[in-house]
Amino acid sequence: MFEVIKKSILAGIGALAFTEEKIQEVIDDFVQKGKLTQKEGESLVDELQKVIHENKAKLTAMIDERIKAIMDELNLLTKDDLAEMEKKIKKDFTKVEKRLAKLEKQLKEQSA
């Protein structure tokens, strides 16, 4: 469930990549019209892309934290939780089987 939610949100973040392309187009247009030099345009694109990447990483971390908090609030089991429970159940089942075999042995001895 976590991954589905995360992928859905990250798809929206993917729109930022489109924004980066648009930024490049706008800056290129300013350079062509002489409003910016080539060097200024490149510098501006680099700076804006850096800000976008930083914000993308921050947003992804915030989303991860929030999804985990929601899952904790909902008290949902994770795969790790289920695996741990399975180990405990198998261990307990083995103990029960051994105890049952011991009791059966005692019953046979008492009947004999």
C-alpha atoms as a PDB file:
ATOM      1  CA  MET A   1       0.000   0.000   0.000  1.00  0.00           C
ATOM      2  CA  PHE A   2       2.852   2.332   0.936  1.00  0.00           C
ATOM      3  CA  GLU A   3       4.518   1.869  -2.444  1.00  0.00           C
ATOM      4  CA  VAL A   4       1.277   2.458  -4.376  1.00  0.00           C
ATOM      5  CA  ILE A   5       0.643   5.739  -2.562  1.00  0.00           C
ATOM      6  CA  LYS A   6       4.252   6.764  -2.924  1.00  0.00           C
ATOM      7  CA  LYS A   7       4.338   5.991  -6.658  1.00  0.00           C
ATOM      8  CA  SER A   8       1.123   7.948  -7.200  1.00  0.00           C
ATOM      9  CA  ILE A   9       2.529  10.997  -5.488  1.00  0.00           C
ATOM     10  CA  LEU A  10       5.896  10.675  -7.195  1.00  0.00           C
ATOM     11  CA  ALA A  11       4.109  10.613 -10.540  1.00  0.00           C
ATOM     12  CA  GLY A  12       2.926  14.102  -9.699  1.00  0.00           C
ATOM     13  CA  ILE A  13       6.458  15.073  -8.800  1.00  0.00           C
ATOM     14  CA  GLY A  14       7.476  13.794 -12.223  1.00  0.00           C
ATOM     15  CA  ALA A  15       5.627  16.788 -13.561  1.00  0.00           C
ATOM     16  CA  LEU A  16       8.550  18.806 -12.209  1.00  0.00           C
ATOM     17  CA  ALA A  17      10.703  17.259 -14.915  1.00  0.00           C
ATOM     18  CA  PHE A  18       8.313  18.738 -17.452  1.00  0.00           C
ATOM     19  CA  THR A  19       8.656  22.068 -15.651  1.00  0.00           C
ATOM     20  CA  GLU A  20      12.428  21.838 -16.021  1.00  0.00           C
ATOM     21  CA  GLU A  21      12.006  21.459 -19.785  1.00  0.00           C
ATOM     22  CA  LYS A  22       9.681  24.455 -19.848  1.00  0.00           C
ATOM     23  CA  ILE A  23      12.192  26.516 -17.862  1.00  0.00           C
ATOM     24  CA  GLN A  24      14.858  25.639 -20.426  1.00  0.00           C
ATOM     25  CA  GLU A  25      12.548  26.716 -23.264  1.00  0.00           C
ATOM     26  CA  VAL A  26      11.689  30.044 -21.596  1.00  0.00           C
ATOM     27  CA  ILE A  27      15.321  30.805 -20.816  1.00  0.00           C
ATOM     28  CA  ASP A  28      16.342  29.883 -24.378  1.00  0.00           C
ATOM     29  CA  ASP A  29      13.653  32.254 -25.641  1.00  0.00           C
ATOM     30  CA  PHE A  30      15.019  35.077 -23.437  1.00  0.00           C
ATOM     31  CA  VAL A  31      18.521  34.406 -24.748  1.00  0.00           C
ATOM     32  CA  GLN A  32      17.309  34.450 -28.365  1.00  0.00           C
ATOM     33  CA  LYS A  33      15.491  37.750 -27.773  1.00  0.00           C
ATOM     34  CA  GLY A  34      18.628  39.229 -26.207  1.00  0.00           C
ATOM     35  CA  LYS A  35      17.093  39.703 -22.760  1.00  0.00           C
ATOM     36  CA  LEU A  36      19.743  37.391 -21.263  1.00  0.00           C
ATOM     37  CA  THR A  37      23.219  36.448 -22.368  1.00  0.00           C
ATOM     38  CA  GLN A  38      23.969  32.816 -23.101  1.00  0.00           C
ATOM     39  CA  LYS A  39      26.052  32.635 -19.929  1.00  0.00           C
ATOM     40  CA  GLU A  40      23.284  34.215 -17.802  1.00  0.00           C
ATOM     41  CA  GLY A  41      20.748  31.841 -19.291  1.00  0.00           C
ATOM     42  CA  GLU A  42      22.877  28.785 -18.548  1.00  0.00           C
ATOM     43  CA  SER A  43      23.525  30.016 -15.020  1.00  0.00           C
ATOM     44  CA  LEU A  44      19.829  30.652 -14.410  1.00  0.00           C
ATOM     45  CA  VAL A  45      18.834  27.234 -15.764  1.00  0.00           C
ATOM     46  CA  ASP A  46      21.445  25.538 -13.571  1.00  0.00           C
ATOM     47  CA  GLU A  47      20.287  27.439 -10.489  1.00  0.00           C
ATOM     48  CA  LEU A  48      16.603  26.724 -11.112  1.00  0.00           C
ATOM     49  CA  GLN A  49      17.276  23.034 -11.780  1.00  0.00           C
ATOM     50  CA  LYS A  50      19.253  22.828  -8.541  1.00  0.00           C
ATOM     51  CA  VAL A  51      16.336  24.340  -6.606  1.00  0.00           C
ATOM     52  CA  ILE A  52      13.867  21.960  -8.289  1.00  0.00           C
ATOM     53  CA  HIS A  53      16.010  18.896  -7.453  1.00  0.00           C
ATOM     54  CA  GLU A  54      16.465  20.014  -3.839  1.00  0.00           C
ATOM     55  CA  ASN A  55      12.746  20.580  -3.443  1.00  0.00           C
ATOM     56  CA  LYS A  56      11.958  17.277  -5.119  1.00  0.00           C
ATOM     57  CA  ALA A  57      14.177  15.446  -2.604  1.00  0.00           C
ATOM     58  CA  LYS A  58      12.650  17.339   0.333  1.00  0.00           C
ATOM     59  CA  LEU A  59       9.131  16.674  -0.924  1.00  0.00           C
ATOM     60  CA  THR A  60       9.854  12.984  -1.403  1.00  0.00           C
ATOM     61  CA  ALA A  61      11.205  12.717   2.162  1.00  0.00           C
ATOM     62  CA  MET A  62       8.172  14.552   3.542  1.00  0.00           C
ATOM     63  CA  ILE A  63       5.829  12.269   1.621  1.00  0.00           C
ATOM     64  CA  ASP A  64       7.636   9.165   2.923  1.00  0.00           C
ATOM     65  CA  GLU A  65       7.372  10.424   6.501  1.00  0.00           C
ATOM     66  CA  ARG A  66       3.698  11.318   6.158  1.00  0.00           C
ATOM     67  CA  ILE A  67       2.748   8.003   4.563  1.00  0.00           C
ATOM     68  CA  LYS A  68       4.560   6.113   7.323  1.00  0.00           C
ATOM     69  CA  ALA A  69       2.767   8.236   9.942  1.00  0.00           C
ATOM     70  CA  ILE A  70      -0.600   7.519   8.322  1.00  0.00           C
ATOM     71  CA  MET A  71       0.138   3.794   8.201  1.00  0.00           C
ATOM     72  CA  ASP A  72       1.117   3.893  11.879  1.00  0.00           C
ATOM     73  CA  GLU A  73      -2.114   5.735  12.727  1.00  0.00           C
ATOM     74  CA  LEU A  74      -4.114   3.139  10.820  1.00  0.00           C
ATOM     75  CA  ASN A  75      -2.218   0.456  12.713  1.00  0.00           C
ATOM     76  CA  LEU A  76      -1.570  -1.528   9.532  1.00  0.00           C
ATOM     77  CA  LEU A  77       0.847  -4.434   9.482  1.00  0.00           C
ATOM     78  CA  THR A  78       3.888  -4.189   7.276  1.00  0.00           C
ATOM     79  CA  LYS A  79       5.504  -7.087   5.416  1.00  0.00           C
ATOM     80  CA  ASP A  80       8.186  -7.154   8.092  1.00  0.00           C
ATOM     81  CA  ASP A  81       5.527  -7.318  10.821  1.00  0.00           C
ATOM     82  CA  LEU A  82       3.857 -10.242   9.071  1.00  0.00           C
ATOM     83  CA  ALA A  83       7.152 -12.059   8.572  1.00  0.00           C
ATOM     84  CA  GLU A  84       7.984 -11.649  12.258  1.00  0.00           C
ATOM     85  CA  MET A  85       4.550 -12.924  13.271  1.00  0.00           C
ATOM     86  CA  GLU A  86       4.957 -15.913  10.962  1.00  0.00           C
ATOM     87  CA  LYS A  87       8.283 -16.780  12.616  1.00  0.00           C
ATOM     88  CA  LYS A  88       6.719 -16.572  16.069  1.00  0.00           C
ATOM     89  CA  ILE A  89       3.735 -18.699  15.046  1.00  0.00           C
ATOM     90  CA  LYS A  90       5.989 -21.386  13.535  1.00  0.00           C
ATOM     91  CA  LYS A  91       8.123 -21.395  16.670  1.00  0.00           C
ATOM     92  CA  ASP A  92       5.044 -21.650  18.912  1.00  0.00           C
ATOM     93  CA  PHE A  93       3.542 -24.345  16.685  1.00  0.00           C
ATOM     94  CA  THR A  94       6.736 -26.390  16.970  1.00  0.00           C
ATOM     95  CA  LYS A  95       6.565 -26.069  20.759  1.00  0.00           C
ATOM     96  CA  VAL A  96       2.918 -27.193  20.744  1.00  0.00           C
ATOM     97  CA  GLU A  97       3.734 -30.186  18.537  1.00  0.00           C
ATOM     98  CA  LYS A  98       6.560 -31.241  20.860  1.00  0.00           C
ATOM     99  CA  ARG A  99       4.338 -30.820  23.921  1.00  0.00           C
ATOM    100  CA  LEU A 100       1.548 -32.792  22.240  1.00  0.00           C
ATOM    101  CA  ALA A 101       3.963 -35.610  21.332  1.00  0.00           C
ATOM    102  CA  LYS A 102       5.179 -35.690  24.924  1.00  0.00           C
ATOM    103  CA  LEU A 103       1.598 -35.865  26.244  1.00  0.00           C
ATOM    104  CA  GLU A 104       0.695 -38.630  23.780  1.00  0.00           C
ATOM    105  CA  LYS A 105       3.742 -40.580  24.908  1.00  0.00           C
ATOM    106  CA  GLN A 106       2.723 -40.165  28.563  1.00  0.00           C
ATOM    107  CA  LEU A 107      -0.836 -41.330  27.785  1.00  0.00           C
ATOM    108  CA  LYS A 108       0.466 -44.424  26.023  1.00  0.00           C
ATOM    109  CA  GLU A 109       2.737 -45.206  28.966  1.00  0.00           C
ATOM    110  CA  GLN A 110      -0.133 -44.789  31.427  1.00  0.00           C
ATOM    111  CA  SER A 111      -2.438 -46.994  29.330  1.00  0.00           C
ATOM    112  CA  ALA A 112       0.089 -49.750  29.058  1.00  0.00           C
END
